[in-house]
């Protein structure tokens, strides 16, 4: 098996794997979790594709709506995503 070349100059952006979503530090609270997540981060958090996130926005009335940030940029409040996930978990 060939070794993986991690040199970014030789690999295109689609060939480089990104790590799973982990909350990063923000400027408001030091090491606290971020307040807003991009569609890519929401998809990683849910374990699905970005297209699935957008499909849920358009078809699932219970899925949190994105918040307009700047221009065409949107994001989701992490607290709303977590609440949506908690509501979907089966009661034990």
N, C-alpha and C. Protein backbone atom coordinates (compact mmCIF):
# COMPACT_ATOMS: atom_id res chain seq x y z
N UNK A 1 0.84 -1.17 0.00
CA UNK A 1 0.00 0.00 0.00
C UNK A 1 0.88 1.24 0.00
N UNK A 2 0.50 2.25 -0.81
CA UNK A 2 1.26 3.48 -0.93
C UNK A 2 1.06 4.37 0.28
N UNK A 3 2.12 5.02 0.80
CA UNK A 3 1.94 5.95 1.92
C UNK A 3 1.17 7.19 1.46
N UNK A 4 0.42 7.77 2.37
CA UNK A 4 -0.37 8.96 2.06
C UNK A 4 0.55 10.17 2.08
N UNK A 5 0.45 11.00 1.05
CA UNK A 5 1.24 12.21 0.98
C UNK A 5 0.41 13.36 1.56
N UNK A 6 0.86 13.92 2.67
CA UNK A 6 0.11 14.99 3.34
C UNK A 6 0.57 16.38 2.91
N UNK A 7 1.38 16.47 1.88
CA UNK A 7 1.85 17.77 1.40
C UNK A 7 0.70 18.46 0.66
N UNK A 8 0.19 19.56 1.20
CA UNK A 8 -0.97 20.25 0.64
C UNK A 8 -0.73 20.78 -0.77
N UNK A 9 0.54 21.01 -1.14
CA UNK A 9 0.82 21.50 -2.48
C UNK A 9 0.58 20.43 -3.53
N UNK A 10 0.71 19.16 -3.16
CA UNK A 10 0.55 18.09 -4.11
C UNK A 10 -0.88 17.55 -4.17
N UNK A 11 -1.62 17.76 -3.10
CA UNK A 11 -3.00 17.28 -3.06
C UNK A 11 -3.95 18.44 -3.23
N UNK A 12 -5.03 18.23 -3.94
CA UNK A 12 -6.06 19.24 -4.05
C UNK A 12 -6.83 19.36 -2.75
N UNK A 13 -7.62 20.43 -2.57
CA UNK A 13 -8.36 20.63 -1.33
C UNK A 13 -9.33 19.50 -1.03
N UNK A 14 -9.89 18.87 -2.07
CA UNK A 14 -10.85 17.79 -1.83
C UNK A 14 -10.16 16.50 -1.39
N UNK A 15 -8.86 16.41 -1.53
CA UNK A 15 -8.13 15.20 -1.18
C UNK A 15 -7.67 15.21 0.28
N UNK A 16 -7.75 16.37 0.93
CA UNK A 16 -7.27 16.50 2.30
C UNK A 16 -8.44 16.29 3.25
N UNK A 17 -8.33 15.31 4.13
CA UNK A 17 -9.40 15.04 5.08
C UNK A 17 -9.35 16.05 6.22
N UNK A 18 -10.52 16.51 6.63
CA UNK A 18 -10.59 17.42 7.76
C UNK A 18 -11.00 16.63 8.99
N UNK A 19 -10.53 17.02 10.16
CA UNK A 19 -10.90 16.29 11.37
C UNK A 19 -12.38 16.49 11.69
N UNK A 20 -12.97 15.63 12.49
CA UNK A 20 -14.37 15.81 12.87
C UNK A 20 -14.55 17.14 13.59
N UNK A 21 -15.77 17.65 13.56
CA UNK A 21 -16.06 18.94 14.19
C UNK A 21 -15.84 18.85 15.69
N UNK A 22 -15.04 19.77 16.20
CA UNK A 22 -14.88 19.93 17.64
C UNK A 22 -14.99 21.41 17.93
N UNK A 23 -15.74 21.77 18.96
CA UNK A 23 -15.88 23.20 19.27
C UNK A 23 -14.52 23.84 19.52
N UNK A 24 -14.32 24.99 18.93
CA UNK A 24 -13.07 25.74 19.10
C UNK A 24 -13.31 26.92 20.03
N UNK A 25 -12.24 27.54 20.45
CA UNK A 25 -12.36 28.71 21.31
C UNK A 25 -12.92 29.88 20.51
N UNK A 26 -13.72 30.71 21.16
CA UNK A 26 -14.20 31.92 20.49
C UNK A 26 -13.71 33.14 21.25
N UNK A 27 -13.94 34.30 20.70
CA UNK A 27 -13.40 35.51 21.30
C UNK A 27 -14.24 36.01 22.47
N UNK A 28 -15.40 35.39 22.73
CA UNK A 28 -16.28 35.89 23.79
C UNK A 28 -16.00 35.24 25.13
N UNK A 29 -15.56 33.99 25.13
CA UNK A 29 -15.43 33.32 26.41
C UNK A 29 -14.19 32.47 26.55
N UNK A 30 -13.12 32.79 25.89
CA UNK A 30 -11.91 32.00 26.02
C UNK A 30 -12.06 30.62 25.41
N UNK A 31 -12.17 29.60 26.25
CA UNK A 31 -12.25 28.22 25.77
C UNK A 31 -13.67 27.70 25.67
N UNK A 32 -14.65 28.57 25.66
CA UNK A 32 -16.04 28.10 25.55
C UNK A 32 -16.34 27.68 24.12
N UNK A 33 -17.41 26.92 23.94
CA UNK A 33 -17.81 26.44 22.62
C UNK A 33 -18.29 27.59 21.75
N UNK A 34 -18.21 27.44 20.43
CA UNK A 34 -18.68 28.51 19.54
C UNK A 34 -20.20 28.66 19.63
N UNK A 35 -20.67 29.84 19.32
CA UNK A 35 -22.11 30.12 19.36
C UNK A 35 -22.79 29.75 18.06
N UNK A 36 -22.07 29.88 16.94
CA UNK A 36 -22.63 29.67 15.60
C UNK A 36 -21.78 28.63 14.86
N UNK A 37 -22.45 27.75 14.12
CA UNK A 37 -21.74 26.74 13.32
C UNK A 37 -22.14 26.89 11.86
N UNK A 38 -21.21 26.66 10.95
CA UNK A 38 -21.49 26.70 9.52
C UNK A 38 -22.22 25.43 9.10
N UNK A 39 -22.70 25.40 7.86
CA UNK A 39 -23.37 24.19 7.37
C UNK A 39 -22.44 22.99 7.39
N UNK A 40 -21.18 23.22 7.10
CA UNK A 40 -20.18 22.15 7.12
C UNK A 40 -20.01 21.61 8.54
N UNK A 41 -19.94 22.51 9.53
CA UNK A 41 -19.78 22.08 10.92
C UNK A 41 -21.04 21.36 11.43
N UNK A 42 -22.22 21.83 11.03
CA UNK A 42 -23.47 21.16 11.42
C UNK A 42 -23.51 19.76 10.82
N UNK A 43 -23.10 19.64 9.56
CA UNK A 43 -23.08 18.33 8.91
C UNK A 43 -22.12 17.38 9.63
N UNK A 44 -20.96 17.85 10.02
CA UNK A 44 -20.01 17.01 10.76
C UNK A 44 -20.59 16.61 12.11
N UNK A 45 -21.23 17.55 12.79
CA UNK A 45 -21.82 17.28 14.09
C UNK A 45 -22.92 16.21 13.99
N UNK A 46 -23.72 16.27 12.92
CA UNK A 46 -24.81 15.33 12.73
C UNK A 46 -24.36 14.04 12.04
N UNK A 47 -23.18 14.06 11.44
CA UNK A 47 -22.69 12.88 10.74
C UNK A 47 -23.37 12.68 9.39
N UNK A 48 -23.62 13.76 8.69
CA UNK A 48 -24.28 13.67 7.39
C UNK A 48 -23.62 14.64 6.41
N UNK A 49 -24.14 14.69 5.20
CA UNK A 49 -23.61 15.59 4.17
C UNK A 49 -24.23 16.98 4.32
N UNK A 50 -23.55 17.98 3.77
CA UNK A 50 -24.10 19.35 3.79
C UNK A 50 -25.44 19.41 3.07
N UNK A 51 -25.58 18.65 2.00
CA UNK A 51 -26.85 18.64 1.26
C UNK A 51 -27.99 18.14 2.14
N UNK A 52 -27.69 17.20 3.03
CA UNK A 52 -28.71 16.69 3.94
C UNK A 52 -29.14 17.76 4.94
N UNK A 53 -28.19 18.57 5.38
CA UNK A 53 -28.53 19.68 6.29
C UNK A 53 -29.49 20.63 5.58
N UNK A 54 -29.17 21.01 4.35
CA UNK A 54 -30.03 21.95 3.62
C UNK A 54 -31.38 21.32 3.27
N UNK A 55 -31.40 20.02 3.02
CA UNK A 55 -32.67 19.34 2.76
C UNK A 55 -33.55 19.40 4.01
N UNK A 56 -32.94 19.21 5.18
CA UNK A 56 -33.69 19.29 6.43
C UNK A 56 -34.24 20.69 6.65
N UNK A 57 -33.47 21.73 6.28
CA UNK A 57 -33.94 23.11 6.41
C UNK A 57 -35.22 23.31 5.60
N UNK A 58 -35.26 22.73 4.40
CA UNK A 58 -36.39 22.95 3.49
C UNK A 58 -37.56 21.99 3.71
N UNK A 59 -37.32 20.83 4.33
CA UNK A 59 -38.40 19.84 4.43
C UNK A 59 -38.84 19.52 5.85
N UNK A 60 -37.98 19.72 6.84
CA UNK A 60 -38.30 19.37 8.23
C UNK A 60 -38.61 20.64 9.01
N UNK A 61 -39.88 20.83 9.37
CA UNK A 61 -40.28 22.05 10.07
C UNK A 61 -39.67 22.16 11.47
N UNK A 62 -39.24 21.04 12.04
CA UNK A 62 -38.66 21.10 13.38
C UNK A 62 -37.16 21.41 13.37
N UNK A 63 -36.52 21.33 12.20
CA UNK A 63 -35.08 21.59 12.11
C UNK A 63 -34.82 23.08 12.27
N UNK A 64 -33.80 23.45 13.04
CA UNK A 64 -33.50 24.89 13.26
C UNK A 64 -33.21 25.62 11.96
N UNK A 65 -33.65 26.84 11.88
CA UNK A 65 -33.43 27.69 10.71
C UNK A 65 -32.07 28.37 10.83
N UNK A 66 -31.38 28.54 9.71
CA UNK A 66 -30.10 29.25 9.76
C UNK A 66 -30.29 30.73 10.05
N UNK A 67 -29.26 31.33 10.59
CA UNK A 67 -29.24 32.75 10.91
C UNK A 67 -28.34 33.45 9.89
N UNK A 68 -28.82 34.53 9.28
CA UNK A 68 -28.00 35.27 8.32
C UNK A 68 -26.93 36.04 9.09
N UNK A 69 -25.67 35.86 8.68
CA UNK A 69 -24.56 36.51 9.36
C UNK A 69 -24.10 37.75 8.59
N UNK A 70 -23.47 37.56 7.46
CA UNK A 70 -23.01 38.67 6.62
C UNK A 70 -23.20 38.28 5.16
N UNK A 71 -23.80 39.15 4.39
CA UNK A 71 -23.98 38.87 2.98
C UNK A 71 -24.76 37.58 2.78
N UNK A 72 -24.15 36.62 2.10
CA UNK A 72 -24.79 35.33 1.85
C UNK A 72 -24.41 34.29 2.90
N UNK A 73 -23.60 34.68 3.86
CA UNK A 73 -23.11 33.75 4.89
C UNK A 73 -24.19 33.49 5.93
N UNK A 74 -24.42 32.22 6.25
CA UNK A 74 -25.39 31.85 7.27
C UNK A 74 -24.75 30.86 8.23
N UNK A 75 -25.37 30.68 9.38
CA UNK A 75 -24.90 29.72 10.37
C UNK A 75 -26.06 29.30 11.26
N UNK A 76 -25.82 28.31 12.07
CA UNK A 76 -26.84 27.80 12.99
C UNK A 76 -26.37 28.01 14.41
N UNK A 77 -27.30 28.37 15.28
CA UNK A 77 -26.98 28.46 16.70
C UNK A 77 -26.76 27.04 17.22
N UNK A 78 -25.62 26.82 17.85
CA UNK A 78 -25.28 25.50 18.37
C UNK A 78 -26.33 25.05 19.38
N UNK A 79 -26.81 25.96 20.20
CA UNK A 79 -27.81 25.60 21.22
C UNK A 79 -29.08 25.06 20.57
N UNK A 80 -29.49 25.62 19.42
CA UNK A 80 -30.69 25.14 18.73
C UNK A 80 -30.47 23.76 18.12
N UNK A 81 -29.28 23.51 17.58
CA UNK A 81 -28.96 22.20 17.02
C UNK A 81 -28.97 21.15 18.14
N UNK A 82 -28.35 21.49 19.28
CA UNK A 82 -28.32 20.56 20.41
C UNK A 82 -29.72 20.28 20.93
N UNK A 83 -30.58 21.30 21.00
CA UNK A 83 -31.96 21.11 21.46
C UNK A 83 -32.73 20.23 20.48
N UNK A 84 -32.51 20.43 19.17
CA UNK A 84 -33.17 19.62 18.16
C UNK A 84 -32.76 18.16 18.29
N UNK A 85 -31.46 17.92 18.51
CA UNK A 85 -30.98 16.56 18.69
C UNK A 85 -31.57 15.92 19.95
N UNK A 86 -31.63 16.68 21.04
CA UNK A 86 -32.18 16.15 22.29
C UNK A 86 -33.66 15.78 22.14
N UNK A 87 -34.39 16.57 21.36
CA UNK A 87 -35.81 16.31 21.16
C UNK A 87 -36.02 15.06 20.30
N UNK A 88 -35.06 14.71 19.48
CA UNK A 88 -35.18 13.54 18.59
C UNK A 88 -34.76 12.25 19.28
N UNK A 89 -34.05 12.33 20.40
CA UNK A 89 -33.60 11.13 21.08
C UNK A 89 -34.79 10.42 21.71
N UNK A 90 -34.82 9.09 21.62
CA UNK A 90 -35.93 8.35 22.23
C UNK A 90 -35.84 8.41 23.75
N UNK A 91 -36.98 8.52 24.40
CA UNK A 91 -37.03 8.56 25.86
C UNK A 91 -36.78 7.16 26.41
N UNK A 92 -35.97 7.07 27.45
CA UNK A 92 -35.67 5.76 28.05
C UNK A 92 -36.41 5.62 29.34
